[in-house]
């Protein structure tokens, strides 16, 4: 089986998974560029959960869009080399 890489993505996860994902990240998997967590216990207040998920997803998108833009700027077309 081929090794899966997450180096070009951002992960948005429940704060309950902070320890697990941090531990896994130290071992090299997932190798996500960014991991964003919501606050623990938001399943009790769904409106706040929704608000934080939207914020974390927007932040994740902006970080990955920046990375994609940087990568595209770093690669010049062959005609410019």
N, C-alpha and C. Protein backbone atom coordinates (compact mmCIF):
# COMPACT_ATOMS: atom_id res chain seq x y z
N UNK A 1 0.84 -1.18 0.00
CA UNK A 1 0.00 0.00 0.00
C UNK A 1 0.89 1.24 0.00
N UNK A 2 0.53 2.19 -0.82
CA UNK A 2 1.29 3.43 -0.95
C UNK A 2 1.09 4.32 0.27
N UNK A 3 2.17 5.01 0.70
CA UNK A 3 2.05 5.93 1.84
C UNK A 3 1.18 7.11 1.46
N UNK A 4 0.26 7.45 2.35
CA UNK A 4 -0.64 8.58 2.15
C UNK A 4 -0.01 9.83 2.76
N UNK A 5 -0.07 10.93 2.03
CA UNK A 5 0.47 12.18 2.55
C UNK A 5 -0.64 13.22 2.63
N UNK A 6 -0.62 13.99 3.70
CA UNK A 6 -1.56 15.07 3.91
C UNK A 6 -0.83 16.40 3.97
N UNK A 7 0.38 16.44 3.42
CA UNK A 7 1.25 17.61 3.56
C UNK A 7 0.70 18.85 2.87
N UNK A 8 -0.25 18.69 1.98
CA UNK A 8 -0.80 19.84 1.27
C UNK A 8 -2.21 20.21 1.73
N UNK A 9 -2.61 19.71 2.91
CA UNK A 9 -3.95 20.03 3.40
C UNK A 9 -3.90 20.55 4.83
N UNK A 10 -5.01 21.10 5.25
CA UNK A 10 -5.21 21.50 6.64
C UNK A 10 -6.34 20.66 7.20
N UNK A 11 -6.23 20.29 8.46
CA UNK A 11 -7.24 19.47 9.13
C UNK A 11 -7.96 20.34 10.16
N UNK A 12 -9.29 20.22 10.20
CA UNK A 12 -10.10 20.88 11.22
C UNK A 12 -10.73 19.75 12.02
N UNK A 13 -10.47 19.75 13.35
CA UNK A 13 -10.94 18.65 14.18
C UNK A 13 -11.49 19.15 15.51
N UNK A 14 -12.26 18.30 16.13
CA UNK A 14 -12.79 18.57 17.46
C UNK A 14 -11.63 18.61 18.45
N UNK A 15 -11.70 19.53 19.40
CA UNK A 15 -10.66 19.66 20.42
C UNK A 15 -10.46 18.40 21.23
N UNK A 16 -11.47 17.53 21.27
CA UNK A 16 -11.35 16.27 21.97
C UNK A 16 -10.22 15.41 21.39
N UNK A 17 -9.90 15.62 20.13
CA UNK A 17 -8.87 14.82 19.46
C UNK A 17 -7.47 15.45 19.52
N UNK A 18 -7.32 16.52 20.28
CA UNK A 18 -6.04 17.23 20.34
C UNK A 18 -4.88 16.31 20.71
N UNK A 19 -5.02 15.58 21.81
CA UNK A 19 -3.92 14.71 22.25
C UNK A 19 -3.62 13.62 21.24
N UNK A 20 -4.65 13.00 20.70
CA UNK A 20 -4.46 11.90 19.77
C UNK A 20 -3.78 12.37 18.48
N UNK A 21 -4.32 13.45 17.90
CA UNK A 21 -3.74 13.94 16.64
C UNK A 21 -2.34 14.51 16.84
N UNK A 22 -2.11 15.14 17.99
CA UNK A 22 -0.77 15.66 18.28
C UNK A 22 0.22 14.50 18.41
N UNK A 23 -0.18 13.45 19.09
CA UNK A 23 0.69 12.27 19.25
C UNK A 23 0.97 11.63 17.89
N UNK A 24 -0.07 11.47 17.10
CA UNK A 24 0.12 10.90 15.77
C UNK A 24 1.01 11.80 14.91
N UNK A 25 0.80 13.13 15.03
CA UNK A 25 1.62 14.07 14.27
C UNK A 25 3.09 13.97 14.60
N UNK A 26 3.41 13.71 15.86
CA UNK A 26 4.80 13.54 16.27
C UNK A 26 5.43 12.32 15.60
N UNK A 27 4.61 11.32 15.29
CA UNK A 27 5.12 10.12 14.63
C UNK A 27 5.19 10.30 13.11
N UNK A 28 4.71 11.44 12.63
CA UNK A 28 4.79 11.73 11.20
C UNK A 28 3.51 11.49 10.42
N UNK A 29 2.46 11.06 11.07
CA UNK A 29 1.20 10.86 10.37
C UNK A 29 0.06 11.30 11.27
N UNK A 30 -0.83 12.12 10.89
CA UNK A 30 -0.86 12.73 9.55
C UNK A 30 0.15 13.87 9.47
N UNK A 31 0.71 14.02 8.29
CA UNK A 31 1.70 15.07 8.06
C UNK A 31 1.04 16.33 7.50
N UNK A 32 -0.10 16.66 8.07
CA UNK A 32 -0.86 17.83 7.60
C UNK A 32 -0.06 19.11 7.83
N UNK A 33 -0.20 20.03 6.91
CA UNK A 33 0.48 21.31 7.02
C UNK A 33 0.01 22.08 8.25
N UNK A 34 -1.28 22.03 8.53
CA UNK A 34 -1.87 22.70 9.69
C UNK A 34 -2.97 21.82 10.26
N UNK A 35 -3.12 21.84 11.59
CA UNK A 35 -4.25 21.20 12.25
C UNK A 35 -4.88 22.24 13.16
N UNK A 36 -6.18 22.50 12.95
CA UNK A 36 -6.92 23.47 13.74
C UNK A 36 -7.98 22.73 14.55
N UNK A 37 -8.09 23.09 15.83
CA UNK A 37 -9.04 22.42 16.72
C UNK A 37 -10.11 23.39 17.20
N UNK A 38 -11.32 22.86 17.38
CA UNK A 38 -12.37 23.62 18.05
C UNK A 38 -12.16 23.43 19.56
N UNK A 39 -12.90 24.19 20.36
CA UNK A 39 -12.85 24.06 21.81
C UNK A 39 -13.55 22.76 22.21
N UNK A 40 -13.07 22.17 23.29
CA UNK A 40 -13.69 20.93 23.82
C UNK A 40 -15.14 21.16 24.24
N UNK A 41 -15.97 20.14 24.07
CA UNK A 41 -17.31 20.15 24.63
C UNK A 41 -18.35 20.94 23.88
N UNK A 42 -18.08 21.31 22.66
CA UNK A 42 -19.05 22.14 21.93
C UNK A 42 -20.27 21.37 21.46
N UNK A 43 -20.27 20.06 21.61
CA UNK A 43 -21.47 19.30 21.26
C UNK A 43 -22.66 19.69 22.14
N UNK A 44 -22.35 20.37 23.25
CA UNK A 44 -23.41 20.85 24.16
C UNK A 44 -24.04 22.15 23.66
N UNK A 45 -23.30 22.93 22.88
CA UNK A 45 -23.79 24.21 22.36
C UNK A 45 -23.57 24.23 20.84
N UNK A 46 -24.55 23.75 20.14
CA UNK A 46 -24.41 23.54 18.70
C UNK A 46 -24.15 24.84 17.92
N UNK A 47 -24.74 25.93 18.34
CA UNK A 47 -24.50 27.20 17.63
C UNK A 47 -23.03 27.61 17.73
N UNK A 48 -22.44 27.44 18.91
CA UNK A 48 -21.03 27.77 19.08
C UNK A 48 -20.15 26.80 18.29
N UNK A 49 -20.54 25.53 18.24
CA UNK A 49 -19.81 24.54 17.45
C UNK A 49 -19.80 24.96 15.98
N UNK A 50 -20.97 25.31 15.47
CA UNK A 50 -21.08 25.74 14.08
C UNK A 50 -20.21 26.98 13.83
N UNK A 51 -20.27 27.94 14.73
CA UNK A 51 -19.49 29.17 14.60
C UNK A 51 -17.99 28.86 14.55
N UNK A 52 -17.54 28.02 15.47
CA UNK A 52 -16.11 27.70 15.50
C UNK A 52 -15.68 26.88 14.30
N UNK A 53 -16.53 25.96 13.86
CA UNK A 53 -16.18 25.17 12.67
C UNK A 53 -16.03 26.08 11.45
N UNK A 54 -16.95 27.01 11.29
CA UNK A 54 -16.86 27.94 10.16
C UNK A 54 -15.58 28.76 10.25
N UNK A 55 -15.26 29.27 11.44
CA UNK A 55 -14.03 30.06 11.62
C UNK A 55 -12.79 29.22 11.32
N UNK A 56 -12.73 28.00 11.85
CA UNK A 56 -11.55 27.15 11.65
C UNK A 56 -11.40 26.76 10.18
N UNK A 57 -12.51 26.48 9.53
CA UNK A 57 -12.46 26.12 8.10
C UNK A 57 -11.99 27.32 7.27
N UNK A 58 -12.47 28.51 7.58
CA UNK A 58 -12.02 29.70 6.86
C UNK A 58 -10.52 29.93 7.07
N UNK A 59 -10.05 29.76 8.30
CA UNK A 59 -8.63 29.91 8.59
C UNK A 59 -7.82 28.86 7.84
N UNK A 60 -8.30 27.63 7.87
CA UNK A 60 -7.60 26.54 7.16
C UNK A 60 -7.53 26.83 5.67
N UNK A 61 -8.64 27.28 5.09
CA UNK A 61 -8.66 27.61 3.66
C UNK A 61 -7.65 28.69 3.33
N UNK A 62 -7.59 29.73 4.16
CA UNK A 62 -6.67 30.84 3.86
C UNK A 62 -5.23 30.37 3.95
N UNK A 63 -4.91 29.50 4.91
CA UNK A 63 -3.54 28.99 5.04
C UNK A 63 -3.16 28.13 3.85
N UNK A 64 -4.06 27.27 3.43
CA UNK A 64 -3.76 26.39 2.29
C UNK A 64 -3.73 27.19 1.00
N UNK A 65 -4.65 28.17 0.83
CA UNK A 65 -4.62 29.01 -0.36
C UNK A 65 -3.30 29.77 -0.44
N UNK A 66 -2.80 30.26 0.71
CA UNK A 66 -1.50 30.95 0.73
C UNK A 66 -0.39 30.00 0.30
N UNK A 67 -0.44 28.78 0.80
CA UNK A 67 0.59 27.80 0.46
C UNK A 67 0.54 27.45 -1.02
N UNK A 68 -0.66 27.29 -1.55
CA UNK A 68 -0.80 26.98 -2.98
C UNK A 68 -0.27 28.13 -3.82
N UNK A 69 -0.61 29.35 -3.43
CA UNK A 69 -0.14 30.53 -4.16
C UNK A 69 1.39 30.61 -4.13
N UNK A 70 1.98 30.37 -2.97
CA UNK A 70 3.44 30.40 -2.84
C UNK A 70 4.07 29.34 -3.73
N UNK A 71 3.49 28.15 -3.73
CA UNK A 71 4.02 27.07 -4.56
C UNK A 71 3.92 27.40 -6.04
N UNK A 72 2.81 28.02 -6.43
CA UNK A 72 2.64 28.38 -7.84
C UNK A 72 3.64 29.46 -8.24
N UNK A 73 3.88 30.41 -7.36
CA UNK A 73 4.83 31.47 -7.66
C UNK A 73 6.26 30.95 -7.73
N UNK A 74 6.54 29.90 -6.99
CA UNK A 74 7.89 29.33 -6.98
C UNK A 74 8.20 28.58 -8.26
N UNK A 75 7.18 28.09 -8.94
CA UNK A 75 7.39 27.32 -10.18
C UNK A 75 7.12 28.19 -11.40
N UNK A 76 8.18 28.53 -12.10
CA UNK A 76 8.03 29.33 -13.32
C UNK A 76 7.82 28.40 -14.50
N UNK A 77 7.04 28.85 -15.49
CA UNK A 77 6.88 28.04 -16.70
C UNK A 77 8.23 27.84 -17.39
N UNK A 78 8.35 26.75 -18.13
CA UNK A 78 9.60 26.45 -18.82
C UNK A 78 10.06 27.59 -19.72
N UNK A 79 9.13 28.32 -20.31
CA UNK A 79 9.48 29.42 -21.21
C UNK A 79 10.18 30.56 -20.48
N UNK A 80 10.01 30.65 -19.14
CA UNK A 80 10.63 31.71 -18.37
C UNK A 80 11.96 31.29 -17.74
N UNK A 81 12.35 30.02 -17.87
CA UNK A 81 13.59 29.54 -17.26
C UNK A 81 14.77 29.78 -18.14
